[in-house]
Every structure is written in structure tokens, then in C-alpha cells.
Amino acid sequence: MGNIAAQIIGVTDPESVTRKKAEATFEDAVEMTGHGKFNNFVLLTCGLILLNVSMESVGISYVITAAECELDLGSEHKGLLSASAFIGIVSTSFLWGFLGDRYGRRAVMTPAMLASVAFSLASSFATNVWTILVLRILTGCLVSASSATVYAYLGEMHVKSRRAAAIAWGSAFISFSFIILPGLAWLIIPGEWSWQWGWMTIAPWRVFMWFWGLPALVASAALLSLPESPRHVLATKGPDAALPILARMYAWNYGKTAESYPVSKITSSTTESCRSGFGEALRNISLMVRPPLARCVLISHVSMFAVFMLSSGLYMWVPDILNNILNSKSEQSITICQIIHNKFKAAQNVTHVHGPGYHYCRTDVSVGVFPISMGMGAMFAVVYLAIGFLIDKIGKKTLHCSIMLFCGAATIGAAFVPQGGLATVLLVLSLCCGCAGSILAAIAVDVFPTCLRAMAMCLMYMVGRAGAAVGSNLLGATLDRHCQLAFTFLGLFTMLSTILMLFWPAPEHVRRKMEEKGLSY
């Protein structure tokens, strides 16, 4: 049957494709759909979803400095707010994974994204730290539906040979958020305008938050014109239900009618066992904690924890750290940790002079933070695009480990270099660690069967977001007093996590073992 796919895919002129209907395995049938406009539209849609997830997760990092006085934020409050979206994502990942595997990837993502926009907008009207914290956590709960399910959807819409590159290209949209967010912040937050609306003052930072949900609105509209994942439909409803979706993909790619799709029936070499229900979900989870998947779960979860703890956990503090560097009045060459400690001591001294009841608060947002952050986002984009080109040439594991080792070393160096410019460069380089997350997703998505894929990816990203929350709160608790120790810990943990990749099993071995259990890919 592979010859059929080769004959059809090998032609350069779609008009010359044979009109004779034939039976084909699912993989051959997917190959026959080709690769073109449909796949590019899926890639764009999933990219917008990932852009929205990133903006909702890290956008608050630009708000905590601007809203410091209005919401009476201390370092602990900033740490909680920075981690709020990640807390929501972590707390609901299991639920969304279960729903994604039962009802479908598209069916879960669309309503959840629309609801997340409503809660995100509501959070911009919060008047105290606890209200905005609760609303940002609820926003994170809804964003969680897309944060990992989108990788399953994107991967399942592509043939195996293009899957890793598609995930890498889709993940490049995450880097765009690191350009868009500081760009919007630069345009809006430094403004000295405000207006009274009811019981609150509409300040620039509130208006800035209104833009975060726009990618979700566009992506939701795009999803309405896209079908459910054919692999999910195959696993839950059978080959007859999946065939029209593949025909639609073929028609879109080749500019022909669905009736001209040269497959009349899909044959399957494995027995599908994706049944609905909570009991079946628990059975699926039990498969993830037993060989051959148990080792994959352990390695991927710890590795993703390390990726997010450094990249997202540290990134939440980068605007605040850069603001401290740019506002530093010291003429000596001192480390960023000394700059942060000096600001902390200055605040303590003012409080000591005026008495314990006095609260020192001064919001100085340096506009220099924003172009530096945009440059950082541009670097992320370059790295993501490079990964898209190199991932199949260098190898996924080699590329992942190389990035993690380099970024871990840069993190340690950033805390000890007594020169603000070089420290900033190292800080930016250390955050490129986040790009390794897309490689890890491409590594992991290959070993989990269709029935487990959404759940597996959601749980892996749940652990990753837990790492972001841990990293953000760790820095919130230690940045003022034990800055260098915190940076050293983050760097070493990131570097040491690469050792686990030495024990990653061969994907072919895992797939063969799972197919013997009646599960398909």
C-alpha cells in the first residue's frame, strides 16, 4: 500500500493523480492528502493559539512594575501574580487532557479560548492584588485547554516526516509574543494619561491588558473553518468517519474536489481502543506509568520542568530586572544582583527613617526596557526559525541538550558578570532555553499513542508550568537577598537535566510495544 502513496505523492502535477479509488492504510491515506495550503493554515492557526497562550501567561510581567503602587505590590505579590496563569494551567491540565482525548482537540480549544478572553478582560478592571490574582488564575485555567492540546492537534495534522518541523515552526509564534508584548507596552504603559470610569481609574497598564486576547479571537474564528484531527476521529469513531476529513485536506491542498480523493476505504493494522469515559481515561493514565511509556513520561516531565523553570520563571522577572539595571545610579561596574540588592536596601532605609507604618513606593518604568525586550523576542524568533531548519538535520535530542547546556551556563554567568551590558546579553541568551520546549514536544509527541497524546502533552506542560511557578516564586523569595545563589541553582538544574536525555528510548521500540497492546499512532 505504501506504493500507492508514493505514486500519488511523487507526482508534481495534481491533475495527473490517478482517479482510481483504492484502499489504503491510514498513514498512506494521510500521505495522499499532500502538503500545502491546508497544512499552512493549520500551522498559522496553531501559531496564533500559542501566541495567545504566551501573551496571557507572561504579559503580566510588564504590568507588575507599572501597577506596583496602584495595587500595592511587594516582591511576594509580584511573584504570585507572575505565577498566576501558570497556577491555573497546572491545576486544570489533567481535566483538559481528558476532555481533549474524549471530545476532540478542536472541540475543547475553541470555547475555552473564547471564555479565557472574557476573564482576561475582567482582570484588567481589578482594583486590588487579590482580585486580579484570582481572575488571572481563572484565565490560566481556561488557557490551559490550548496550551498543550494544540501540540497534539498540530502534530496530528501532519505526516510523521513533517511533524517535528511543524511543531518547531508553530512554536516560533511564541517568540512573536516577546516582540509584540514589549512593543505594545512601549506604546501604552509610559503614557501619563488616565481617565475615571466609575469606581476606578483607567490607567495605561489596564488598556495594555485589553490586547492580550486578540490572537484567541482570531484563532477561534479560524478553528471554526478547520476539521477535527483525523487521527483523533480515527481512534474514537473509526476509519469511515476519518475518511471525509482526509478528503477535505486533499481537496484544500490540491485545489480539487473532495470526491477526487483517491482513497475509497481506510484499512487499519491495529485495533483501536480509544473508548470514552472517565474509567477509560484512568486506564490510559495507568499505561503512562508502566513500561514502555513510564521512562518517557519521567524524562519528558523533568526536562519540561527545567525548561519552564528557567525560561518562563526567569522571564517573568526580566522587565523588573532590566528596569533596575537601567535605573541604577551607580557609576561602578557591579553585578545585576548587587543592583537589585541596593534597591532593596534603599527601600529598607526609607522605611526605617519614616517608621514601620510608612510604605515606600515609587514606580519608575524605564522606556529602555521595551526595546531591549523586543530585541530579546527577535532573538527568540531567530532561534525558533533555526530550530525549524536544523531539527531534522542535527537531531532532536542533540539540539535540545545543546541549547539547555548553553543557556544554563549563560544563566550563571549573568549573575556574576560585573558589567550591565554583558549581563543583559547573558540574561537574554539564558532565556533562549524556552525554545528547547518545542524540541521536547516534538520528541515526546512521537512516542504517545493517539488515545493518550492530548493527555500526555497536557500533563507534560502541566509539570512545565509548575516549573515556571516554582521559578517565579523562587526568584520572588530570593532575588533581594540571595540573587546569585538563585541564578546558580537555576543554571545548574537546567544543565543537569540534559543527563536524562541519555536514557530516552528508541521511539520505534515504544511504538511497537504500544501497538502490541492495541493502541495506534
Protein backbone atom coordinates (compact mmCIF):
# COMPACT_ATOMS: atom_id res chain seq x y z
CA MET A 1 0.00 0.00 0.00
CA GLY A 2 2.98 2.30 0.51
CA ASN A 3 3.46 2.18 -3.28
CA ILE A 4 0.10 3.86 -3.76
CA ALA A 5 1.16 6.76 -1.57
CA ALA A 6 4.49 7.02 -3.33
CA GLN A 7 2.88 7.08 -6.74
CA ILE A 8 0.45 9.82 -5.79
CA ILE A 9 2.70 11.99 -3.63
CA GLY A 10 5.55 11.68 -6.07
CA VAL A 11 3.78 13.47 -8.91
CA THR A 12 4.33 17.18 -9.36
CA ASP A 13 1.11 17.89 -11.25
CA PRO A 14 -2.04 17.23 -9.19
CA GLU A 15 -4.07 16.77 -12.40
CA SER A 16 -2.03 13.66 -13.19
CA VAL A 17 -3.02 11.95 -9.95
CA THR A 18 -4.85 8.76 -10.72
CA ARG A 19 -8.61 8.88 -10.37
CA LYS A 20 -8.84 5.23 -9.46
CA LYS A 21 -10.11 4.69 -5.93
CA ALA A 22 -8.13 2.35 -3.72
CA GLU A 23 -7.89 1.10 -0.16
CA ALA A 24 -5.02 2.40 1.94
CA THR A 25 -3.70 2.32 5.48
CA PHE A 26 -4.27 5.47 7.48
CA GLU A 27 -0.64 6.63 7.17
CA ASP A 28 -0.71 6.15 3.39
CA ALA A 29 -4.06 7.95 3.23
CA VAL A 30 -2.58 10.91 5.12
CA GLU A 31 0.40 10.97 2.74
CA MET A 32 -2.02 11.17 -0.17
CA THR A 33 -3.53 14.40 1.15
CA GLY A 34 -0.26 16.12 0.27
CA HIS A 35 1.18 19.17 1.97
CA GLY A 36 0.06 22.67 1.06
CA LYS A 37 -2.46 25.39 1.83
CA PHE A 38 -4.41 23.33 4.35
CA ASN A 39 -1.32 22.50 6.41
CA ASN A 40 -0.10 26.09 6.25
CA PHE A 41 -3.48 27.33 7.51
CA VAL A 42 -3.38 24.81 10.37
CA LEU A 43 0.15 25.97 11.18
CA LEU A 44 -0.93 29.63 11.22
CA THR A 45 -3.97 28.87 13.39
CA CYS A 46 -1.98 26.83 15.90
CA GLY A 47 0.69 29.53 15.90
CA LEU A 48 -1.92 32.12 16.89
CA ILE A 49 -3.13 29.82 19.67
CA LEU A 50 0.42 29.50 21.02
CA LEU A 51 0.84 33.27 20.68
CA ASN A 52 -2.27 33.76 22.82
CA VAL A 53 -1.10 31.24 25.44
CA SER A 54 2.24 33.03 25.72
CA MET A 55 0.74 36.54 25.89
CA GLU A 56 -1.73 35.54 28.60
CA SER A 57 0.99 33.71 30.56
CA VAL A 58 3.79 36.28 30.58
CA GLY A 59 2.09 39.59 29.76
CA ILE A 60 1.61 40.23 33.46
CA SER A 61 5.39 40.66 33.80
CA TYR A 62 5.06 44.11 32.18
CA VAL A 63 2.13 45.03 34.42
CA ILE A 64 3.63 44.27 37.84
CA THR A 65 6.12 47.14 37.60
CA ALA A 66 3.62 49.69 36.20
CA ALA A 67 0.89 48.71 38.70
CA GLU A 68 3.23 48.41 41.69
CA CYS A 69 1.93 51.46 43.52
CA GLU A 70 -1.71 51.31 42.44
CA LEU A 71 -2.12 47.68 43.56
CA ASP A 72 0.38 47.97 46.45
CA LEU A 73 2.61 45.15 45.19
CA GLY A 74 5.59 43.79 47.09
CA SER A 75 8.08 41.20 45.78
CA GLU A 76 5.95 38.34 47.15
CA HIS A 77 2.84 39.73 45.44
CA LYS A 78 4.76 40.13 42.21
CA GLY A 79 5.89 36.51 42.44
CA LEU A 80 2.31 35.30 42.93
CA LEU A 81 0.97 37.41 40.06
CA SER A 82 3.81 36.28 37.81
CA ALA A 83 2.91 32.67 38.55
CA SER A 84 -0.89 33.15 38.48
CA ALA A 85 -1.52 31.98 34.89
CA PHE A 86 0.82 29.02 35.40
CA ILE A 87 -1.04 28.05 38.59
CA GLY A 88 -4.29 27.98 36.59
CA ILE A 89 -2.71 25.97 33.78
CA VAL A 90 -1.23 23.43 36.19
CA SER A 91 -4.44 22.96 38.19
CA THR A 92 -6.59 22.09 35.15
CA SER A 93 -4.20 20.32 32.77
CA PHE A 94 -5.45 16.85 33.67
CA LEU A 95 -9.08 17.89 33.08
CA TRP A 96 -8.34 19.44 29.68
CA GLY A 97 -6.22 16.46 28.65
CA PHE A 98 -9.10 14.12 29.47
CA LEU A 99 -11.63 16.31 27.64
CA GLY A 100 -9.30 16.70 24.63
CA ASP A 101 -8.92 12.95 24.26
CA ARG A 102 -12.64 12.32 24.74
CA TYR A 103 -14.34 15.11 22.80
CA GLY A 104 -11.60 16.20 20.40
CA ARG A 105 -8.83 18.78 20.25
CA ARG A 106 -10.74 21.43 18.27
CA ALA A 107 -13.96 20.95 20.25
CA VAL A 108 -12.18 21.73 23.52
CA MET A 109 -9.89 24.58 22.42
CA THR A 110 -12.47 26.86 20.76
CA PRO A 111 -14.91 27.52 23.64
CA ALA A 112 -12.12 27.61 26.22
CA MET A 113 -10.24 30.31 24.28
CA LEU A 114 -13.33 32.49 24.00
CA ALA A 115 -14.01 32.17 27.73
CA SER A 116 -10.38 33.00 28.53
CA VAL A 117 -10.72 36.29 26.66
CA ALA A 118 -13.66 37.27 28.89
CA PHE A 119 -11.79 36.51 32.13
CA SER A 120 -8.62 38.20 30.89
CA LEU A 121 -10.59 41.35 30.09
CA ALA A 122 -12.26 41.24 33.52
CA SER A 123 -8.86 41.01 35.23
CA SER A 124 -7.84 44.36 33.74
CA PHE A 125 -10.52 46.05 35.88
CA ALA A 126 -9.28 44.60 39.20
CA THR A 127 -8.67 47.19 41.93
CA ASN A 128 -6.59 45.10 44.36
CA VAL A 129 -3.97 42.39 44.20
CA TRP A 130 -6.23 39.54 45.33
CA THR A 131 -8.93 40.23 42.75
CA ILE A 132 -6.50 40.36 39.85
CA LEU A 133 -4.73 37.26 41.21
CA VAL A 134 -7.96 35.20 41.24
CA LEU A 135 -9.00 36.39 37.78
CA ARG A 136 -5.56 35.69 36.30
CA ILE A 137 -5.63 32.17 37.79
CA LEU A 138 -9.07 31.58 36.23
CA THR A 139 -7.74 32.89 32.91
CA GLY A 140 -4.88 30.42 33.20
CA CYS A 141 -7.37 27.59 33.86
CA LEU A 142 -9.01 28.31 30.50
CA VAL A 143 -5.78 28.97 28.61
CA SER A 144 -4.67 25.54 29.81
CA ALA A 145 -7.10 23.92 27.35
CA SER A 146 -5.00 25.12 24.43
CA SER A 147 -1.52 25.26 25.95
CA ALA A 148 -0.70 21.61 25.26
CA THR A 149 -3.68 20.28 23.29
CA VAL A 150 -2.58 22.50 20.40
CA TYR A 151 0.63 20.48 20.04
CA ALA A 152 -1.38 17.27 19.68
CA TYR A 153 -3.66 18.93 17.11
CA LEU A 154 -0.77 20.41 15.13
CA GLY A 155 1.23 17.16 15.17
CA GLU A 156 -1.74 15.02 14.16
CA MET A 157 -2.44 17.21 11.14
CA HIS A 158 0.96 16.39 9.64
CA VAL A 159 2.66 13.23 8.46
CA LYS A 160 5.42 11.86 10.65
CA SER A 161 8.22 13.20 8.42
CA ARG A 162 6.95 16.79 8.78
CA ARG A 163 5.65 16.64 12.37
CA ALA A 164 8.77 17.82 14.22
CA ALA A 165 9.35 20.73 11.84
CA ALA A 166 5.67 21.74 12.04
CA ILE A 167 5.78 21.86 15.83
CA ALA A 168 9.00 23.86 15.72
CA TRP A 169 7.56 26.36 13.21
CA GLY A 170 4.35 26.66 15.19
CA SER A 171 6.32 27.28 18.38
CA ALA A 172 8.08 30.18 16.65
CA PHE A 173 4.89 32.17 17.22
CA ILE A 174 5.69 32.07 20.95
CA SER A 175 8.71 34.24 20.20
CA PHE A 176 6.46 36.78 18.47
CA SER A 177 4.75 37.39 21.81
CA PHE A 178 8.10 38.54 23.19
CA ILE A 179 8.18 41.16 20.42
CA ILE A 180 4.50 42.12 20.47
CA LEU A 181 4.16 42.44 24.27
CA PRO A 182 7.07 44.86 24.83
CA GLY A 183 6.10 46.71 21.66
CA LEU A 184 2.57 47.29 22.94
CA ALA A 185 3.89 48.06 26.40
CA TRP A 186 6.27 50.63 24.92
CA LEU A 187 3.40 52.35 23.11
CA ILE A 188 0.94 52.27 26.02
CA ILE A 189 2.46 51.94 29.50
CA PRO A 190 4.75 55.04 29.57
CA GLY A 191 1.73 57.25 28.79
CA GLU A 192 0.81 59.74 31.51
CA TRP A 193 -2.88 59.81 30.56
CA SER A 194 -5.73 58.22 32.50
CA TRP A 195 -9.46 58.65 32.92
CA GLN A 196 -12.00 57.96 35.63
CA TRP A 197 -14.53 55.21 34.94
CA GLY A 198 -16.93 54.51 37.74
CA TRP A 199 -15.03 53.48 40.86
CA MET A 200 -11.64 53.12 39.19
CA THR A 201 -9.02 54.97 37.24
CA ILE A 202 -8.30 53.50 33.80
CA ALA A 203 -4.50 53.64 33.71
CA PRO A 204 -2.31 52.70 30.72
CA TRP A 205 -1.42 49.29 32.15
CA ARG A 206 -5.11 48.32 32.16
CA VAL A 207 -5.50 49.24 28.48
CA PHE A 208 -2.37 47.23 27.73
CA MET A 209 -4.11 44.09 29.08
CA TRP A 210 -7.05 44.51 26.70
CA PHE A 211 -4.93 43.43 23.72
CA TRP A 212 -3.84 40.05 25.09
CA GLY A 213 -6.93 38.15 23.94
CA LEU A 214 -6.95 39.30 20.30
CA PRO A 215 -4.99 36.25 18.96
CA ALA A 216 -7.51 33.97 20.70
CA LEU A 217 -10.43 35.63 18.93
CA VAL A 218 -8.77 35.26 15.51
CA ALA A 219 -7.68 31.65 16.21
CA SER A 220 -11.19 30.70 17.39
CA ALA A 221 -12.66 32.02 14.15
CA ALA A 222 -10.05 30.07 12.16
CA LEU A 223 -10.76 26.83 14.06
CA LEU A 224 -14.41 27.05 13.05
CA SER A 225 -13.34 26.50 9.43
CA LEU A 226 -10.99 23.60 10.26
CA PRO A 227 -11.95 19.97 10.90
CA GLU A 228 -11.22 17.87 13.95
CA SER A 229 -7.94 15.93 13.99
CA PRO A 230 -8.38 12.94 11.64
CA ARG A 231 -6.20 10.81 13.91
CA HIS A 232 -8.49 11.52 16.86
CA VAL A 233 -11.57 10.79 14.75
CA LEU A 234 -9.99 7.54 13.55
CA ALA A 235 -9.28 6.48 17.12
CA THR A 236 -12.70 7.40 18.53
CA LYS A 237 -15.17 6.97 15.64
CA GLY A 238 -13.38 4.72 13.17
CA PRO A 239 -11.94 4.97 9.63
CA ASP A 240 -15.25 5.76 7.94
CA ALA A 241 -15.55 8.98 9.95
CA ALA A 242 -11.92 9.95 9.33
CA LEU A 243 -12.09 9.48 5.54
CA PRO A 244 -14.13 12.66 4.75
CA ILE A 245 -11.66 14.76 6.77
CA LEU A 246 -8.72 13.40 4.78
CA ALA A 247 -10.64 14.04 1.56
CA ARG A 248 -11.19 17.64 2.64
CA MET A 249 -7.48 18.05 3.38
CA TYR A 250 -6.66 16.66 -0.05
CA ALA A 251 -9.13 19.00 -1.77
CA TRP A 252 -7.75 22.04 0.05
CA ASN A 253 -4.12 21.20 -0.69
CA TYR A 254 -4.59 20.32 -4.35
CA GLY A 255 -7.39 22.75 -5.19
CA LYS A 256 -9.63 19.88 -6.31
CA THR A 257 -12.91 18.38 -5.11
CA ALA A 258 -13.13 16.05 -2.13
CA GLU A 259 -14.71 13.43 -4.41
CA SER A 260 -11.44 13.17 -6.36
CA TYR A 261 -9.55 11.95 -3.27
CA PRO A 262 -8.09 8.61 -4.47
CA VAL A 263 -8.92 6.57 -1.37
CA SER A 264 -12.19 4.71 -1.00
CA LYS A 265 -11.53 2.94 2.29
CA ILE A 266 -9.04 3.17 5.16
CA THR A 267 -7.66 -0.10 6.46
CA SER A 268 -6.05 -0.32 9.88
CA SER A 269 -3.45 -2.81 11.03
CA THR A 270 -4.19 -2.21 14.71
CA THR A 271 -7.26 -2.49 16.87
CA GLU A 272 -8.38 0.92 18.03
CA SER A 273 -9.15 1.06 21.75
CA CYS A 274 -9.97 4.72 22.41
CA ARG A 275 -13.24 4.44 24.29
CA SER A 276 -14.84 7.36 26.06
CA GLY A 277 -15.40 7.68 29.77
CA PHE A 278 -13.52 8.58 32.92
CA GLY A 279 -12.69 4.95 33.64
CA GLU A 280 -11.03 4.65 30.26
CA ALA A 281 -9.08 7.84 30.96
CA LEU A 282 -7.76 6.31 34.19
CA ARG A 283 -6.81 3.18 32.25
CA ASN A 284 -4.92 5.33 29.76
CA ILE A 285 -3.07 7.09 32.55
CA SER A 286 -2.10 3.72 34.01
CA LEU A 287 -0.46 2.92 30.67
CA MET A 288 1.65 6.08 31.05
CA VAL A 289 3.13 4.96 34.36
CA ARG A 290 4.03 1.47 33.14
CA PRO A 291 6.69 0.38 30.64
CA PRO A 292 7.42 1.31 27.95
CA LEU A 293 5.94 4.80 28.45
CA ALA A 294 6.93 5.30 32.12
CA ARG A 295 10.52 6.22 31.27
CA CYS A 296 9.36 8.63 28.57
CA VAL A 297 6.95 10.31 30.99
CA LEU A 298 9.59 10.73 33.71
CA ILE A 299 12.26 12.13 31.38
CA SER A 300 9.95 14.45 29.45
CA HIS A 301 8.29 15.81 32.61
CA VAL A 302 11.52 16.59 34.45
CA SER A 303 13.04 18.09 31.31
CA MET A 304 10.00 20.30 30.68
CA PHE A 305 10.05 21.38 34.33
CA ALA A 306 13.64 22.54 33.84
CA VAL A 307 12.81 24.34 30.57
CA PHE A 308 9.95 26.34 32.10
CA MET A 309 11.58 26.97 35.47
CA LEU A 310 14.39 28.85 33.76
CA SER A 311 12.72 30.35 30.68
CA SER A 312 9.29 31.38 31.98
CA GLY A 313 10.18 31.62 35.68
CA LEU A 314 13.07 33.98 34.97
CA TYR A 315 11.35 35.82 32.14
CA MET A 316 8.59 36.99 34.48
CA TRP A 317 11.26 38.98 36.32
CA VAL A 318 13.26 40.20 33.32
CA PRO A 319 11.35 43.50 32.80
CA ASP A 320 11.76 44.28 36.52
CA ILE A 321 15.46 43.30 36.47
CA LEU A 322 16.13 45.34 33.32
CA ASN A 323 14.28 48.28 34.88
CA ASN A 324 16.60 48.06 37.91
CA ILE A 325 19.69 47.93 35.69
CA LEU A 326 18.62 50.92 33.59
CA ASN A 327 17.59 52.99 36.64
CA SER A 328 20.78 52.19 38.55
CA LYS A 329 22.68 55.36 39.53
CA SER A 330 25.88 53.51 40.36
CA GLU A 331 28.93 54.58 38.36
CA GLN A 332 30.86 51.44 39.32
CA SER A 333 30.87 48.13 37.46
CA ILE A 334 28.63 45.98 39.63
CA THR A 335 26.62 42.83 39.00
CA ILE A 336 22.87 42.81 38.43
CA CYS A 337 22.48 41.08 41.79
CA GLN A 338 24.25 43.97 43.53
CA ILE A 339 21.95 46.44 41.72
CA ILE A 340 18.87 44.55 42.91
CA HIS A 341 20.22 44.33 46.46
CA ASN A 342 21.00 48.07 46.51
CA LYS A 343 17.41 48.89 45.54
CA PHE A 344 16.15 46.59 48.28
CA LYS A 345 18.41 48.24 50.88
CA ALA A 346 17.33 51.72 49.74
CA ALA A 347 13.67 50.81 50.26
CA GLN A 348 14.50 49.39 53.70
CA ASN A 349 16.37 52.57 54.68
CA VAL A 350 13.47 54.82 53.67
CA THR A 351 11.04 52.69 55.65
CA HIS A 352 13.41 52.77 58.67
CA VAL A 353 13.67 56.60 58.57
CA HIS A 354 9.92 57.18 58.31
CA GLY A 355 8.85 54.42 60.68
CA PRO A 356 7.34 50.94 60.27
CA GLY A 357 3.96 52.30 59.14
CA TYR A 358 5.45 54.06 56.14
CA HIS A 359 5.17 52.32 52.76
CA TYR A 360 7.81 53.29 50.21
CA CYS A 361 6.62 53.10 46.62
CA ARG A 362 7.98 54.74 43.53
CA THR A 363 7.25 53.50 40.03
CA ASP A 364 9.98 54.40 37.55
CA VAL A 365 9.42 52.48 34.33
CA SER A 366 12.43 52.98 32.09
CA VAL A 367 11.42 53.03 28.41
CA GLY A 368 14.74 51.33 27.65
CA VAL A 369 13.24 48.08 28.98
CA PHE A 370 10.93 47.79 25.99
CA PRO A 371 13.38 47.91 23.03
CA ILE A 372 15.68 45.51 24.88
CA SER A 373 12.73 43.14 25.42
CA MET A 374 11.77 43.44 21.74
CA GLY A 375 15.35 42.60 20.74
CA MET A 376 15.12 39.62 23.05
CA GLY A 377 11.95 38.50 21.29
CA ALA A 378 13.64 38.91 17.90
CA MET A 379 16.46 36.65 19.08
CA PHE A 380 13.93 34.05 20.22
CA ALA A 381 12.31 34.20 16.77
CA VAL A 382 15.68 33.61 15.08
CA VAL A 383 16.38 30.64 17.37
CA TYR A 384 12.94 29.12 16.76
CA LEU A 385 13.30 29.52 12.99
CA ALA A 386 16.78 28.00 13.14
CA ILE A 387 15.35 25.04 15.06
CA GLY A 388 12.78 24.56 12.27
CA PHE A 389 15.61 24.20 9.75
CA LEU A 390 18.03 22.21 11.92
CA ILE A 391 15.83 19.84 13.89
CA ASP A 392 15.82 17.10 11.24
CA LYS A 393 19.47 17.63 10.30
CA ILE A 394 21.15 17.70 13.73
CA GLY A 395 18.68 15.52 15.58
CA LYS A 396 16.09 16.43 18.20
CA LYS A 397 17.91 15.18 21.29
CA THR A 398 21.28 16.69 20.31
CA LEU A 399 19.72 20.07 19.61
CA HIS A 400 17.70 20.05 22.84
CA CYS A 401 20.70 19.19 25.02
CA SER A 402 22.96 21.75 23.32
CA ILE A 403 20.50 24.58 23.97
CA MET A 404 19.95 23.57 27.60
CA LEU A 405 23.68 23.36 28.37
CA PHE A 406 24.41 26.72 26.75
CA CYS A 407 21.51 28.51 28.45
CA GLY A 408 22.32 27.05 31.86
CA ALA A 409 25.88 28.37 31.63
CA ALA A 410 24.63 31.79 30.47
CA THR A 411 22.28 31.99 33.48
CA ILE A 412 25.11 31.50 35.96
CA GLY A 413 27.31 33.96 34.10
CA ALA A 414 24.60 36.66 34.09
CA ALA A 415 24.61 36.83 37.89
CA PHE A 416 28.39 37.18 38.27
CA VAL A 417 29.47 39.41 35.37
CA PRO A 418 30.21 42.89 36.79
CA GLN A 419 29.08 44.73 33.67
CA GLY A 420 25.45 45.63 32.96
CA GLY A 421 25.60 45.33 29.17
CA LEU A 422 27.22 41.90 29.13
CA ALA A 423 24.97 40.70 31.96
CA THR A 424 21.93 41.75 29.94
CA VAL A 425 23.20 39.83 26.90
CA LEU A 426 23.75 36.70 29.01
CA LEU A 427 20.31 37.13 30.56
CA VAL A 428 18.73 37.23 27.11
CA LEU A 429 20.72 34.19 25.97
CA SER A 430 19.68 32.22 29.05
CA LEU A 431 16.01 32.74 28.18
CA CYS A 432 16.51 31.01 24.82
CA CYS A 433 16.12 27.88 26.93
CA GLY A 434 12.38 28.22 26.27
CA CYS A 435 13.00 27.34 22.62
CA ALA A 436 14.05 23.86 23.75
CA GLY A 437 10.48 23.25 24.86
CA SER A 438 9.29 22.92 21.26
CA ILE A 439 12.01 20.35 20.58
CA LEU A 440 11.00 18.40 23.66
CA ALA A 441 7.37 18.46 22.48
CA ALA A 442 8.47 17.08 19.11
CA ILE A 443 10.44 14.33 20.88
CA ALA A 444 7.54 13.39 23.16
CA VAL A 445 4.67 13.54 20.66
CA ASP A 446 6.19 10.65 18.67
CA VAL A 447 6.01 8.09 21.49
CA PHE A 448 2.45 8.60 22.77
CA PRO A 449 -0.46 6.84 21.01
CA THR A 450 -3.37 8.90 19.68
CA CYS A 451 -5.61 7.98 22.63
CA LEU A 452 -3.00 9.26 25.11
CA ARG A 453 -1.44 12.11 23.17
CA ALA A 454 -3.54 15.06 24.37
CA MET A 455 -3.46 13.83 27.95
CA ALA A 456 0.28 13.18 27.79
CA MET A 457 1.07 16.60 26.35
CA CYS A 458 -1.22 18.35 28.84
CA LEU A 459 0.40 16.59 31.78
CA MET A 460 3.89 17.33 30.45
CA TYR A 461 3.07 21.01 30.06
CA MET A 462 1.33 20.98 33.44
CA VAL A 463 4.61 19.94 35.03
CA GLY A 464 6.40 22.53 32.88
CA ARG A 465 4.12 25.34 34.05
CA ALA A 466 4.59 24.13 37.62
CA GLY A 467 8.30 24.69 36.98
CA ALA A 468 7.52 28.24 35.82
CA ALA A 469 5.54 28.89 39.01
CA VAL A 470 8.36 27.46 41.13
CA GLY A 471 11.00 29.50 39.29
CA SER A 472 8.99 32.73 39.52
CA ASN A 473 8.27 32.34 43.23
CA LEU A 474 11.81 31.16 43.94
CA LEU A 475 13.16 34.38 42.45
CA GLY A 476 10.48 36.41 44.25
CA ALA A 477 11.63 34.98 47.58
CA THR A 478 15.39 35.14 46.98
CA LEU A 479 16.13 37.90 44.46
CA ASP A 480 16.59 40.66 47.05
CA ARG A 481 18.90 38.73 49.39
CA HIS A 482 20.26 35.59 47.65
CA CYS A 483 20.28 36.56 43.98
CA GLN A 484 23.50 34.82 42.90
CA LEU A 485 22.55 31.61 44.69
CA ALA A 486 19.16 31.57 42.92
CA PHE A 487 20.72 32.14 39.47
CA THR A 488 23.34 29.43 40.11
CA PHE A 489 20.67 26.93 41.15
CA LEU A 490 18.57 27.64 38.04
CA GLY A 491 21.59 27.31 35.75
CA LEU A 492 22.87 24.07 37.26
CA PHE A 493 19.43 22.43 37.31
CA THR A 494 18.98 23.29 33.63
CA MET A 495 22.35 21.84 32.66
CA LEU A 496 22.00 18.67 34.72
CA SER A 497 18.56 17.90 33.26
CA THR A 498 20.23 17.01 29.95
CA ILE A 499 21.67 13.86 31.50
CA LEU A 500 18.19 12.33 31.41
CA MET A 501 18.10 12.51 27.62
CA LEU A 502 20.81 9.85 27.50
CA PHE A 503 18.16 7.37 28.69
CA TRP A 504 15.40 8.28 26.20
CA PRO A 505 14.24 5.04 24.50
CA ALA A 506 14.08 4.47 20.75
CA PRO A 507 10.66 5.71 19.52
CA GLU A 508 10.26 2.70 17.22
CA HIS A 509 10.62 0.32 20.18
CA VAL A 510 7.99 2.21 22.20
CA ARG A 511 5.54 2.36 19.28
CA ARG A 512 5.92 -1.35 18.59
CA LYS A 513 5.24 -2.24 22.23
CA MET A 514 2.17 0.03 22.41
CA GLU A 515 0.78 -1.29 19.12
CA GLU A 516 1.03 -4.78 20.61
CA LYS A 517 -1.34 -3.50 23.32
CA GLY A 518 -3.86 -2.49 20.63
CA LEU A 519 -3.11 1.25 20.54
CA SER A 520 -2.49 3.14 17.32
CA TYR A 521 -0.45 6.12 16.22
